[in-house]
Amino acid sequence: MLREKSFGVTILCLSLWARSLPAQTGTHKPSPGSTVVARSGGYQLTEQMLEQALQREQILAATDLFPSDATALRADLIAYFQKEPAKQTKAYESVAQWLQGLGLPGRRPSWLDLAIARYNEWQSYGDPQRFREFQSYPFGKMVLKYNPVLVNSGGMIVTKADVDCLFYSNALVAQAAGVAPSTDADEDQFVRNVASRFASMPTEQKEQLRQAELRLVSVNIVYTGTIKTRAAMIADIKRNVHSSADVWREARQVENDTNHDSKYWQSYLAEAWAGILQGQRFAMGLGLEGQAVRNAMKMSQLPMTFPNGQPIR
């Protein structure tokens, strides 16, 4: 079996949990029914603003916070608001806009949505000044407690969650090949050494590491969303993996082959569209026409973006 990773489970939980949060304000004035928690300098901090901050916290941390940590963070956020209300109000407005970019609260973000948002946000902290500010505030300190930055080099950020995704991808390939997966000790050793090794890595390996979640998402979409393409993927893995020593190389190749311009992704699209067309023909055979057929097309599971976040035209 695949090594159990709380990371992947948490991502799916977050995408379900996100839709139940209150509506966003986008301003320091409380919305109707939003309880005011603190006032300072003519500004107001509301429960809604705190809930949005905690939601963004958990998305970047890639996990739920322990209740005690959520309580402590809440207290720290209130204290910071009282010391610098204007600056913090502006920060809360940015949080609301960031969440709105994920479509919240109107729709449930997919794992791909969350992965792209996380990747873009983390890479923005490759700017040294921005990262220093991030890690000096309670919000950043708590994120880093759960999802520490392992590499911050040359404008590139690699977090613990990225490494988890890399090893999860390895485990999937090992399972498909029927060979022994890497162990927790293997990942722990990688985590200890990655910072010192990163500068000497080829550029391609650096990119594979910092984009590990995006690459895993594309593999997951194809692996779980197809029958024929998954069978072809597994057959390729079995042909190319003869021992555990082959897993790392093959996992990176599988990720490459599920990129939007590569063979598995193209096969996935073809298989998905074939299923939709078959469903359309079935609907027409039952006498369902016009809007019913269009609704069936809209309800399809085809993604609207490639795994790299670019829209499908």
C-alpha atoms as a PDB file:
ATOM      1  CA  MET A   1       0.000   0.000   0.000  1.00  0.00           C
ATOM      2  CA  LEU A   2       0.967   3.638  -0.366  1.00  0.00           C
ATOM      3  CA  ARG A   3       2.577   5.149   2.684  1.00  0.00           C
ATOM      4  CA  GLU A   4      -0.154   7.057   4.470  1.00  0.00           C
ATOM      5  CA  LYS A   5       0.441  10.773   4.084  1.00  0.00           C
ATOM      6  CA  SER A   6      -1.720  13.083   6.128  1.00  0.00           C
ATOM      7  CA  PHE A   7      -0.823  15.798   3.616  1.00  0.00           C
ATOM      8  CA  GLY A   8      -2.859  14.399   0.734  1.00  0.00           C
ATOM      9  CA  VAL A   9      -5.857  13.673   2.956  1.00  0.00           C
ATOM     10  CA  THR A  10      -5.709  17.159   4.446  1.00  0.00           C
ATOM     11  CA  ILE A  11      -5.708  18.798   1.018  1.00  0.00           C
ATOM     12  CA  LEU A  12      -8.976  17.080   0.169  1.00  0.00           C
ATOM     13  CA  CYS A  13     -10.454  17.990   3.543  1.00  0.00           C
ATOM     14  CA  LEU A  14      -9.516  21.622   3.044  1.00  0.00           C
ATOM     15  CA  SER A  15     -11.255  21.755  -0.312  1.00  0.00           C
ATOM     16  CA  LEU A  16     -14.437  20.444   1.301  1.00  0.00           C
ATOM     17  CA  TRP A  17     -14.181  22.600   4.407  1.00  0.00           C
ATOM     18  CA  ALA A  18     -13.564  25.826   2.530  1.00  0.00           C
ATOM     19  CA  ARG A  19     -17.103  26.173   1.199  1.00  0.00           C
ATOM     20  CA  SER A  20     -18.621  26.377   4.698  1.00  0.00           C
ATOM     21  CA  LEU A  21     -16.769  29.535   5.763  1.00  0.00           C
ATOM     22  CA  PRO A  22     -18.520  32.893   6.019  1.00  0.00           C
ATOM     23  CA  ALA A  23     -18.609  35.377   3.162  1.00  0.00           C
ATOM     24  CA  GLN A  24     -15.665  37.739   2.805  1.00  0.00           C
ATOM     25  CA  THR A  25     -15.783  41.455   3.485  1.00  0.00           C
ATOM     26  CA  GLY A  26     -12.791  42.797   1.593  1.00  0.00           C
ATOM     27  CA  THR A  27     -12.872  45.799   3.956  1.00  0.00           C
ATOM     28  CA  HIS A  28     -12.307  46.614   7.617  1.00  0.00           C
ATOM     29  CA  LYS A  29     -16.003  47.368   8.169  1.00  0.00           C
ATOM     30  CA  PRO A  30     -17.897  44.388   9.602  1.00  0.00           C
ATOM     31  CA  SER A  31     -20.506  42.747   7.433  1.00  0.00           C
ATOM     32  CA  PRO A  32     -23.998  42.212   8.864  1.00  0.00           C
ATOM     33  CA  GLY A  33     -23.863  39.541  11.538  1.00  0.00           C
ATOM     34  CA  SER A  34     -20.040  39.620  11.771  1.00  0.00           C
ATOM     35  CA  THR A  35     -19.088  40.049  15.427  1.00  0.00           C
ATOM     36  CA  VAL A  36     -16.553  42.753  16.225  1.00  0.00           C
ATOM     37  CA  VAL A  37     -13.672  41.268  18.205  1.00  0.00           C
ATOM     38  CA  ALA A  38     -11.483  44.338  18.673  1.00  0.00           C
ATOM     39  CA  ARG A  39     -11.439  48.073  17.925  1.00  0.00           C
ATOM     40  CA  SER A  40      -8.410  50.294  17.556  1.00  0.00           C
ATOM     41  CA  GLY A  41      -7.684  53.611  15.850  1.00  0.00           C
ATOM     42  CA  GLY A  42     -11.104  53.724  14.224  1.00  0.00           C
ATOM     43  CA  TYR A  43     -10.699  50.240  12.728  1.00  0.00           C
ATOM     44  CA  GLN A  44     -12.585  47.059  13.595  1.00  0.00           C
ATOM     45  CA  LEU A  45     -11.447  43.448  13.635  1.00  0.00           C
ATOM     46  CA  THR A  46     -14.260  40.960  13.111  1.00  0.00           C
ATOM     47  CA  GLU A  47     -14.729  37.251  13.610  1.00  0.00           C
ATOM     48  CA  GLN A  48     -15.011  36.927   9.861  1.00  0.00           C
ATOM     49  CA  MET A  49     -11.612  38.518   9.298  1.00  0.00           C
ATOM     50  CA  LEU A  50     -10.033  36.160  11.849  1.00  0.00           C
ATOM     51  CA  GLU A  51     -11.715  33.132  10.251  1.00  0.00           C
ATOM     52  CA  GLN A  52     -10.367  34.152   6.855  1.00  0.00           C
ATOM     53  CA  ALA A  53      -6.867  34.525   8.294  1.00  0.00           C
ATOM     54  CA  LEU A  54      -7.082  31.059   9.862  1.00  0.00           C
ATOM     55  CA  GLN A  55      -8.340  29.603   6.589  1.00  0.00           C
ATOM     56  CA  ARG A  56      -5.410  31.059   4.664  1.00  0.00           C
ATOM     57  CA  GLU A  57      -3.092  29.848   7.424  1.00  0.00           C
ATOM     58  CA  GLN A  58      -4.241  26.260   7.015  1.00  0.00           C
ATOM     59  CA  ILE A  59      -4.042  26.388   3.231  1.00  0.00           C
ATOM     60  CA  LEU A  60      -0.401  27.519   3.354  1.00  0.00           C
ATOM     61  CA  ALA A  61       0.401  25.120   6.193  1.00  0.00           C
ATOM     62  CA  ALA A  62      -1.199  22.305   4.135  1.00  0.00           C
ATOM     63  CA  THR A  63      -2.841  20.922   7.247  1.00  0.00           C
ATOM     64  CA  ASP A  64      -5.340  21.768   9.967  1.00  0.00           C
ATOM     65  CA  LEU A  65      -3.994  23.535  13.040  1.00  0.00           C
ATOM     66  CA  PHE A  66      -4.235  21.920  16.443  1.00  0.00           C
ATOM     67  CA  PRO A  67      -6.997  23.645  18.450  1.00  0.00           C
ATOM     68  CA  SER A  68      -4.463  24.987  20.948  1.00  0.00           C
ATOM     69  CA  ASP A  69      -2.395  26.533  18.157  1.00  0.00           C
ATOM     70  CA  ALA A  70      -5.478  28.042  16.510  1.00  0.00           C
ATOM     71  CA  THR A  71      -6.447  29.596  19.830  1.00  0.00           C
ATOM     72  CA  ALA A  72      -2.942  30.976  20.409  1.00  0.00           C
ATOM     73  CA  LEU A  73      -2.751  32.373  16.882  1.00  0.00           C
ATOM     74  CA  ARG A  74      -6.116  34.042  17.267  1.00  0.00           C
ATOM     75  CA  ALA A  75      -4.921  35.789  20.441  1.00  0.00           C
ATOM     76  CA  ASP A  76      -1.710  36.926  18.735  1.00  0.00           C
ATOM     77  CA  LEU A  77      -3.615  38.263  15.720  1.00  0.00           C
ATOM     78  CA  ILE A  78      -5.896  40.296  17.973  1.00  0.00           C
ATOM     79  CA  ALA A  79      -2.893  41.710  19.842  1.00  0.00           C
ATOM     80  CA  TYR A  80      -1.147  42.702  16.622  1.00  0.00           C
ATOM     81  CA  PHE A  81      -4.294  44.343  15.326  1.00  0.00           C
ATOM     82  CA  GLN A  82      -4.529  46.494  18.427  1.00  0.00           C
ATOM     83  CA  LYS A  83      -0.905  47.637  18.015  1.00  0.00           C
ATOM     84  CA  GLU A  84      -1.043  48.486  14.294  1.00  0.00           C
ATOM     85  CA  PRO A  85      -4.704  48.536  13.182  1.00  0.00           C
ATOM     86  CA  ALA A  86      -4.247  50.334   9.860  1.00  0.00           C
ATOM     87  CA  LYS A  87      -1.484  48.021   8.652  1.00  0.00           C
ATOM     88  CA  GLN A  88      -3.247  44.898   9.848  1.00  0.00           C
ATOM     89  CA  THR A  89      -6.561  45.967   8.301  1.00  0.00           C
ATOM     90  CA  LYS A  90      -4.813  46.275   4.963  1.00  0.00           C
ATOM     91  CA  ALA A  91      -3.345  42.798   5.474  1.00  0.00           C
ATOM     92  CA  TYR A  92      -6.802  41.349   6.187  1.00  0.00           C
ATOM     93  CA  GLU A  93      -8.124  42.927   3.007  1.00  0.00           C
ATOM     94  CA  SER A  94      -5.323  41.187   1.105  1.00  0.00           C
ATOM     95  CA  VAL A  95      -6.276  37.892   2.745  1.00  0.00           C
ATOM     96  CA  ALA A  96      -9.892  38.312   1.618  1.00  0.00           C
ATOM     97  CA  GLN A  97      -8.778  39.062  -1.941  1.00  0.00           C
ATOM     98  CA  TRP A  98      -6.457  36.033  -1.934  1.00  0.00           C
ATOM     99  CA  LEU A  99      -9.274  33.732  -0.851  1.00  0.00           C
ATOM    100  CA  GLN A 100     -11.595  35.301  -3.383  1.00  0.00           C
ATOM    101  CA  GLY A 101      -9.036  34.389  -6.044  1.00  0.00           C
ATOM    102  CA  LEU A 102      -9.706  30.766  -5.086  1.00  0.00           C
ATOM    103  CA  GLY A 103     -13.394  31.317  -5.730  1.00  0.00           C
ATOM    104  CA  LEU A 104     -14.307  31.293  -2.053  1.00  0.00           C
ATOM    105  CA  PRO A 105     -16.862  31.221  -0.650  1.00  0.00           C
ATOM    106  CA  GLY A 106     -18.931  30.573  -3.767  1.00  0.00           C
ATOM    107  CA  ARG A 107     -17.346  27.309  -4.882  1.00  0.00           C
ATOM    108  CA  ARG A 108     -15.246  24.466  -3.590  1.00  0.00           C
ATOM    109  CA  PRO A 109     -11.631  24.822  -4.705  1.00  0.00           C
ATOM    110  CA  SER A 110     -10.012  21.737  -6.171  1.00  0.00           C
ATOM    111  CA  TRP A 111      -6.673  20.323  -5.100  1.00  0.00           C
ATOM    112  CA  LEU A 112      -5.248  21.920  -8.252  1.00  0.00           C
ATOM    113  CA  ASP A 113      -6.634  25.323  -7.219  1.00  0.00           C
ATOM    114  CA  LEU A 114      -5.049  25.003  -3.789  1.00  0.00           C
ATOM    115  CA  ALA A 115      -1.744  23.708  -5.174  1.00  0.00           C
ATOM    116  CA  ILE A 116      -1.412  26.634  -7.594  1.00  0.00           C
ATOM    117  CA  ALA A 117      -2.284  29.146  -4.863  1.00  0.00           C
ATOM    118  CA  ARG A 118       0.216  27.577  -2.471  1.00  0.00           C
ATOM    119  CA  TYR A 119       2.961  27.436  -5.079  1.00  0.00           C
ATOM    120  CA  ASN A 120       2.554  31.066  -6.140  1.00  0.00           C
ATOM    121  CA  GLU A 121       2.392  32.307  -2.556  1.00  0.00           C
ATOM    122  CA  TRP A 122       5.401  30.332  -1.367  1.00  0.00           C
ATOM    123  CA  GLN A 123       7.540  31.340  -4.328  1.00  0.00           C
ATOM    124  CA  SER A 124       6.753  34.999  -3.610  1.00  0.00           C
ATOM    125  CA  TYR A 125       8.638  34.543  -0.340  1.00  0.00           C
ATOM    126  CA  GLY A 126      11.792  33.955  -2.353  1.00  0.00           C
ATOM    127  CA  ASP A 127      12.139  37.723  -1.980  1.00  0.00           C
ATOM    128  CA  PRO A 128      14.312  38.030   1.179  1.00  0.00           C
ATOM    129  CA  GLN A 129      12.568  41.099   2.587  1.00  0.00           C
ATOM    130  CA  ARG A 130       9.126  39.600   2.099  1.00  0.00           C
ATOM    131  CA  PHE A 131      10.215  36.356   3.753  1.00  0.00           C
ATOM    132  CA  ARG A 132      11.727  38.186   6.755  1.00  0.00           C
ATOM    133  CA  GLU A 133       8.439  40.006   7.290  1.00  0.00           C
ATOM    134  CA  PHE A 134       6.475  36.788   6.875  1.00  0.00           C
ATOM    135  CA  GLN A 135       8.443  34.880   9.486  1.00  0.00           C
ATOM    136  CA  SER A 136       8.416  37.759  11.962  1.00  0.00           C
ATOM    137  CA  TYR A 137       4.612  37.849  12.340  1.00  0.00           C
ATOM    138  CA  PRO A 138       2.453  35.323  14.237  1.00  0.00           C
ATOM    139  CA  PHE A 139       0.775  34.214  11.004  1.00  0.00           C
ATOM    140  CA  GLY A 140       4.050  33.304   9.317  1.00  0.00           C
ATOM    141  CA  LYS A 141       5.540  31.720  12.419  1.00  0.00           C
ATOM    142  CA  MET A 142       2.573  29.392  12.739  1.00  0.00           C
ATOM    143  CA  VAL A 143       2.624  28.431   9.045  1.00  0.00           C
ATOM    144  CA  LEU A 144       6.324  27.610   9.311  1.00  0.00           C
ATOM    145  CA  LYS A 145       5.719  25.495  12.419  1.00  0.00           C
ATOM    146  CA  TYR A 146       3.531  23.157  10.359  1.00  0.00           C
ATOM    147  CA  ASN A 147       5.121  23.517   6.921  1.00  0.00           C
ATOM    148  CA  PRO A 148       8.738  24.632   7.392  1.00  0.00           C
ATOM    149  CA  VAL A 149      10.804  26.056   4.569  1.00  0.00           C
ATOM    150  CA  LEU A 150      13.616  23.596   3.883  1.00  0.00           C
ATOM    151  CA  VAL A 151      15.273  25.555   1.070  1.00  0.00           C
ATOM    152  CA  ASN A 152      15.298  29.295   0.397  1.00  0.00           C
ATOM    153  CA  SER A 153      17.927  29.766  -2.269  1.00  0.00           C
ATOM    154  CA  GLY A 154      18.192  31.973  -5.335  1.00  0.00           C
ATOM    155  CA  GLY A 155      14.554  33.004  -5.126  1.00  0.00           C
ATOM    156  CA  MET A 156      13.383  29.373  -4.931  1.00  0.00           C
ATOM    157  CA  ILE A 157      11.398  28.036  -1.981  1.00  0.00           C
ATOM    158  CA  VAL A 158      10.987  24.357  -1.053  1.00  0.00           C
ATOM    159  CA  THR A 159       8.760  23.406   1.869  1.00  0.00           C
ATOM    160  CA  LYS A 160       8.258  20.194   3.830  1.00  0.00           C
ATOM    161  CA  ALA A 161       4.934  19.706   2.033  1.00  0.00           C
ATOM    162  CA  ASP A 162       6.801  19.740  -1.296  1.00  0.00           C
ATOM    163  CA  VAL A 163       9.029  16.918  -0.094  1.00  0.00           C
ATOM    164  CA  ASP A 164       5.984  14.988   1.162  1.00  0.00           C
ATOM    165  CA  CYS A 165       4.484  15.235  -2.340  1.00  0.00           C
ATOM    166  CA  LEU A 166       7.724  14.092  -3.951  1.00  0.00           C
ATOM    167  CA  PHE A 167       7.865  10.996  -1.759  1.00  0.00           C
ATOM    168  CA  TYR A 168       4.155  10.311  -2.202  1.00  0.00           C
ATOM    169  CA  SER A 169       4.691  10.279  -5.967  1.00  0.00           C
ATOM    170  CA  ASN A 170       7.601   7.869  -5.455  1.00  0.00           C
ATOM    171  CA  ALA A 171       5.388   5.631  -3.315  1.00  0.00           C
ATOM    172  CA  LEU A 172       2.675   5.516  -5.967  1.00  0.00           C
ATOM    173  CA  VAL A 173       5.194   4.349  -8.572  1.00  0.00           C
ATOM    174  CA  ALA A 174       6.679   1.785  -6.182  1.00  0.00           C
ATOM    175  CA  GLN A 175       3.218   0.400  -5.503  1.00  0.00           C
ATOM    176  CA  ALA A 176       2.398   0.146  -9.212  1.00  0.00           C
ATOM    177  CA  ALA A 177       5.708  -1.629  -9.855  1.00  0.00           C
ATOM    178  CA  GLY A 178       5.336  -3.965  -6.897  1.00  0.00           C
ATOM    179  CA  VAL A 179       8.652  -2.991  -5.301  1.00  0.00           C
ATOM    180  CA  ALA A 180       9.426  -1.788  -1.800  1.00  0.00           C
ATOM    181  CA  PRO A 181       8.680   1.922  -1.255  1.00  0.00           C
ATOM    182  CA  SER A 182      11.013   4.325   0.493  1.00  0.00           C
ATOM    183  CA  THR A 183      10.679   4.582   4.261  1.00  0.00           C
ATOM    184  CA  ASP A 184      10.006   7.439   6.633  1.00  0.00           C
ATOM    185  CA  ALA A 185      13.685   7.308   7.530  1.00  0.00           C
ATOM    186  CA  ASP A 186      14.578   7.840   3.861  1.00  0.00           C
ATOM    187  CA  GLU A 187      12.431  10.965   3.723  1.00  0.00           C
ATOM    188  CA  ASP A 188      13.797  12.236   7.038  1.00  0.00           C
ATOM    189  CA  GLN A 189      17.336  11.877   5.699  1.00  0.00           C
ATOM    190  CA  PHE A 190      16.374  13.713   2.512  1.00  0.00           C
ATOM    191  CA  VAL A 191      14.875  16.543   4.569  1.00  0.00           C
ATOM    192  CA  ARG A 192      18.067  16.852   6.637  1.00  0.00           C
ATOM    193  CA  ASN A 193      20.312  17.032   3.573  1.00  0.00           C
ATOM    194  CA  VAL A 194      18.278  18.894   0.971  1.00  0.00           C
ATOM    195  CA  ALA A 195      19.386  22.402   1.975  1.00  0.00           C
ATOM    196  CA  SER A 196      23.098  21.572   1.701  1.00  0.00           C
ATOM    197  CA  ARG A 197      22.619  19.683  -1.578  1.00  0.00           C
ATOM    198  CA  PHE A 198      20.245  22.092  -3.282  1.00  0.00           C
ATOM    199  CA  ALA A 199      22.821  24.500  -4.732  1.00  0.00           C
ATOM    200  CA  SER A 200      24.627  21.664  -6.537  1.00  0.00           C
ATOM    201  CA  MET A 201      21.451  20.114  -7.985  1.00  0.00           C
ATOM    202  CA  PRO A 202      20.814  20.470 -11.735  1.00  0.00           C
ATOM    203  CA  THR A 203      18.206  23.119 -12.513  1.00  0.00           C
ATOM    204  CA  GLU A 204      15.752  20.446 -13.659  1.00  0.00           C
ATOM    205  CA  GLN A 205      15.902  18.691 -10.279  1.00  0.00           C
ATOM    206  CA  LYS A 206      15.440  21.975  -8.442  1.00  0.00           C
ATOM    207  CA  GLU A 207      12.299  22.682 -10.442  1.00  0.00           C
ATOM    208  CA  GLN A 208      10.990  19.159  -9.896  1.00  0.00           C
ATOM    209  CA  LEU A 209      11.378  19.643  -6.170  1.00  0.00           C
ATOM    210  CA  ARG A 210       9.794  23.060  -5.780  1.00  0.00           C
ATOM    211  CA  GLN A 211       6.940  22.104  -8.151  1.00  0.00           C
ATOM    212  CA  ALA A 212       6.439  18.709  -6.505  1.00  0.00           C
ATOM    213  CA  GLU A 213       2.836  19.323  -5.456  1.00  0.00           C
ATOM    214  CA  LEU A 214       1.778  20.626  -8.870  1.00  0.00           C
ATOM    215  CA  ARG A 215       3.423  17.616 -10.488  1.00  0.00           C
ATOM    216  CA  LEU A 216       1.708  15.210  -8.084  1.00  0.00           C
ATOM    217  CA  VAL A 217      -1.672  16.813  -8.747  1.00  0.00           C
ATOM    218  CA  SER A 218      -1.355  16.132 -12.476  1.00  0.00           C
ATOM    219  CA  VAL A 219      -0.411  12.510 -11.774  1.00  0.00           C
ATOM    220  CA  ASN A 220      -3.378  12.148  -9.432  1.00  0.00           C
ATOM    221  CA  ILE A 221      -5.804  13.632 -11.964  1.00  0.00           C
ATOM    222  CA  VAL A 222      -4.768  11.142 -14.627  1.00  0.00           C
ATOM    223  CA  TYR A 223      -4.317   8.144 -12.309  1.00  0.00           C
ATOM    224  CA  THR A 224      -7.683   8.484 -10.572  1.00  0.00           C
ATOM    225  CA  GLY A 225      -9.662   9.923 -13.494  1.00  0.00           C
ATOM    226  CA  THR A 226      -9.075   7.277 -16.165  1.00  0.00           C
ATOM    227  CA  ILE A 227      -9.190   3.544 -16.801  1.00  0.00           C
ATOM    228  CA  LYS A 228      -7.310   2.947 -20.045  1.00  0.00           C
ATOM    229  CA  THR A 229      -4.720   5.669 -19.437  1.00  0.00           C
ATOM    230  CA  ARG A 230      -4.065   4.442 -15.902  1.00  0.00           C
ATOM    231  CA  ALA A 231      -3.577   0.908 -17.210  1.00  0.00           C
ATOM    232  CA  ALA A 232      -1.068   2.189 -19.776  1.00  0.00           C
ATOM    233  CA  MET A 233       0.732   4.184 -17.081  1.00  0.00           C
ATOM    234  CA  ILE A 234       1.007   1.148 -14.806  1.00  0.00           C
ATOM    235  CA  ALA A 235       2.229  -1.019 -17.686  1.00  0.00           C
ATOM    236  CA  ASP A 236       4.965   1.515 -18.459  1.00  0.00           C
ATOM    237  CA  ILE A 237       5.973   1.638 -14.799  1.00  0.00           C
ATOM    238  CA  LYS A 238       6.218  -2.151 -14.541  1.00  0.00           C
ATOM    239  CA  ARG A 239       8.300  -2.271 -17.704  1.00  0.00           C
ATOM    240  CA  ASN A 240      10.728   0.406 -16.471  1.00  0.00           C
ATOM    241  CA  VAL A 241      11.000  -0.344 -12.745  1.00  0.00           C
ATOM    242  CA  HIS A 242      12.884  -3.497 -11.803  1.00  0.00           C
ATOM    243  CA  SER A 243      13.917  -2.574  -8.263  1.00  0.00           C
ATOM    244  CA  SER A 244      13.511   0.180  -5.706  1.00  0.00           C
ATOM    245  CA  ALA A 245      16.566   1.870  -7.213  1.00  0.00           C
ATOM    246  CA  ASP A 246      14.544   2.666 -10.353  1.00  0.00           C
ATOM    247  CA  VAL A 247      11.617   4.307  -8.543  1.00  0.00           C
ATOM    248  CA  TRP A 248      12.936   7.855  -8.199  1.00  0.00           C
ATOM    249  CA  ARG A 249      13.802   8.135 -11.879  1.00  0.00           C
ATOM    250  CA  GLU A 250      10.533   6.618 -13.064  1.00  0.00           C
ATOM    251  CA  ALA A 251       8.432   8.768 -10.723  1.00  0.00           C
ATOM    252  CA  ARG A 252       9.912  11.919 -12.245  1.00  0.00           C
ATOM    253  CA  GLN A 253       9.276  10.524 -15.737  1.00  0.00           C
ATOM    254  CA  VAL A 254       5.651   9.735 -14.904  1.00  0.00           C
ATOM    255  CA  GLU A 255       5.250  13.307 -13.660  1.00  0.00           C
ATOM    256  CA  ASN A 256       6.761  14.617 -16.885  1.00  0.00           C
ATOM    257  CA  ASP A 257       4.429  12.418 -18.914  1.00  0.00           C
ATOM    258  CA  THR A 258       1.341  13.786 -17.143  1.00  0.00           C
ATOM    259  CA  ASN A 259       2.270  17.377 -17.948  1.00  0.00           C
ATOM    260  CA  HIS A 260      -0.304  19.050 -20.191  1.00  0.00           C
ATOM    261  CA  ASP A 261       1.693  18.619 -23.398  1.00  0.00           C
ATOM    262  CA  SER A 262       2.709  15.012 -22.730  1.00  0.00           C
ATOM    263  CA  LYS A 263       1.328  11.592 -23.528  1.00  0.00           C
ATOM    264  CA  TYR A 264      -0.624  10.655 -20.396  1.00  0.00           C
ATOM    265  CA  TRP A 265      -2.336  14.033 -20.153  1.00  0.00           C
ATOM    266  CA  GLN A 266      -3.335  13.971 -23.813  1.00  0.00           C
ATOM    267  CA  SER A 267      -4.604  10.416 -23.396  1.00  0.00           C
ATOM    268  CA  TYR A 268      -6.545  11.481 -20.317  1.00  0.00           C
ATOM    269  CA  LEU A 269      -8.254  14.291 -22.217  1.00  0.00           C
ATOM    270  CA  ALA A 270      -9.122  11.946 -25.094  1.00  0.00           C
ATOM    271  CA  GLU A 271     -10.526   9.336 -22.712  1.00  0.00           C
ATOM    272  CA  ALA A 272     -12.526  11.894 -20.763  1.00  0.00           C
ATOM    273  CA  TRP A 273     -14.014  13.469 -23.877  1.00  0.00           C
ATOM    274  CA  ALA A 274     -14.892  10.033 -25.250  1.00  0.00           C
ATOM    275  CA  GLY A 275     -16.839   9.374 -22.063  1.00  0.00           C
ATOM    276  CA  ILE A 276     -18.677  12.684 -22.375  1.00  0.00           C
ATOM    277  CA  LEU A 277     -19.597  12.045 -25.999  1.00  0.00           C
ATOM    278  CA  GLN A 278     -20.844   8.585 -25.100  1.00  0.00           C
ATOM    279  CA  GLY A 279     -22.991  10.104 -22.371  1.00  0.00           C
ATOM    280  CA  GLN A 280     -24.271  12.700 -24.804  1.00  0.00           C
ATOM    281  CA  ARG A 281     -25.307  10.027 -27.285  1.00  0.00           C
ATOM    282  CA  PHE A 282     -27.014   8.109 -24.485  1.00  0.00           C
ATOM    283  CA  ALA A 283     -28.916  11.243 -23.427  1.00  0.00           C
ATOM    284  CA  MET A 284     -30.037  11.868 -26.993  1.00  0.00           C
ATOM    285  CA  GLY A 285     -31.148   8.254 -27.266  1.00  0.00           C
ATOM    286  CA  LEU A 286     -33.434   8.861 -24.309  1.00  0.00           C
ATOM    287  CA  GLY A 287     -34.886  11.882 -26.061  1.00  0.00           C
ATOM    288  CA  LEU A 288     -32.998  14.424 -23.913  1.00  0.00           C
ATOM    289  CA  GLU A 289     -32.042  17.377 -26.029  1.00  0.00           C
ATOM    290  CA  GLY A 290     -31.002  21.005 -25.856  1.00  0.00           C
ATOM    291  CA  GLN A 291     -30.430  22.242 -22.316  1.00  0.00           C
ATOM    292  CA  ALA A 292     -30.287  18.738 -20.850  1.00  0.00           C
ATOM    293  CA  VAL A 293     -27.338  17.846 -23.072  1.00  0.00           C
ATOM    294  CA  ARG A 294     -25.602  21.141 -22.334  1.00  0.00           C
ATOM    295  CA  ASN A 295     -26.078  20.537 -18.610  1.00  0.00           C
ATOM    296  CA  ALA A 296     -24.490  17.103 -18.965  1.00  0.00           C
ATOM    297  CA  MET A 297     -21.467  18.683 -20.628  1.00  0.00           C
ATOM    298  CA  LYS A 298     -21.160  21.273 -17.871  1.00  0.00           C
ATOM    299  CA  MET A 299     -21.259  18.544 -15.234  1.00  0.00           C
ATOM    300  CA  SER A 300     -18.296  16.731 -16.768  1.00  0.00           C
ATOM    301  CA  GLN A 301     -15.173  16.321 -14.684  1.00  0.00           C
ATOM    302  CA  LEU A 302     -12.801  17.710 -17.300  1.00  0.00           C
ATOM    303  CA  PRO A 303     -10.532  20.346 -15.740  1.00  0.00           C
ATOM    304  CA  MET A 304     -10.661  23.927 -16.994  1.00  0.00           C
ATOM    305  CA  THR A 305      -6.910  24.346 -16.574  1.00  0.00           C
ATOM    306  CA  PHE A 306      -3.789  22.354 -17.344  1.00  0.00           C
ATOM    307  CA  PRO A 307      -1.804  21.018 -14.344  1.00  0.00           C
ATOM    308  CA  ASN A 308       0.496  24.056 -14.596  1.00  0.00           C
ATOM    309  CA  GLY A 309      -2.469  26.369 -14.060  1.00  0.00           C
ATOM    310  CA  GLN A 310      -2.773  27.624 -17.621  1.00  0.00           C
ATOM    311  CA  PRO A 311      -6.391  27.754 -18.866  1.00  0.00           C
ATOM    312  CA  ILE A 312      -7.545  25.284 -21.505  1.00  0.00           C
ATOM    313  CA  ARG A 313      -8.557  27.332 -24.545  1.00  0.00           C
END
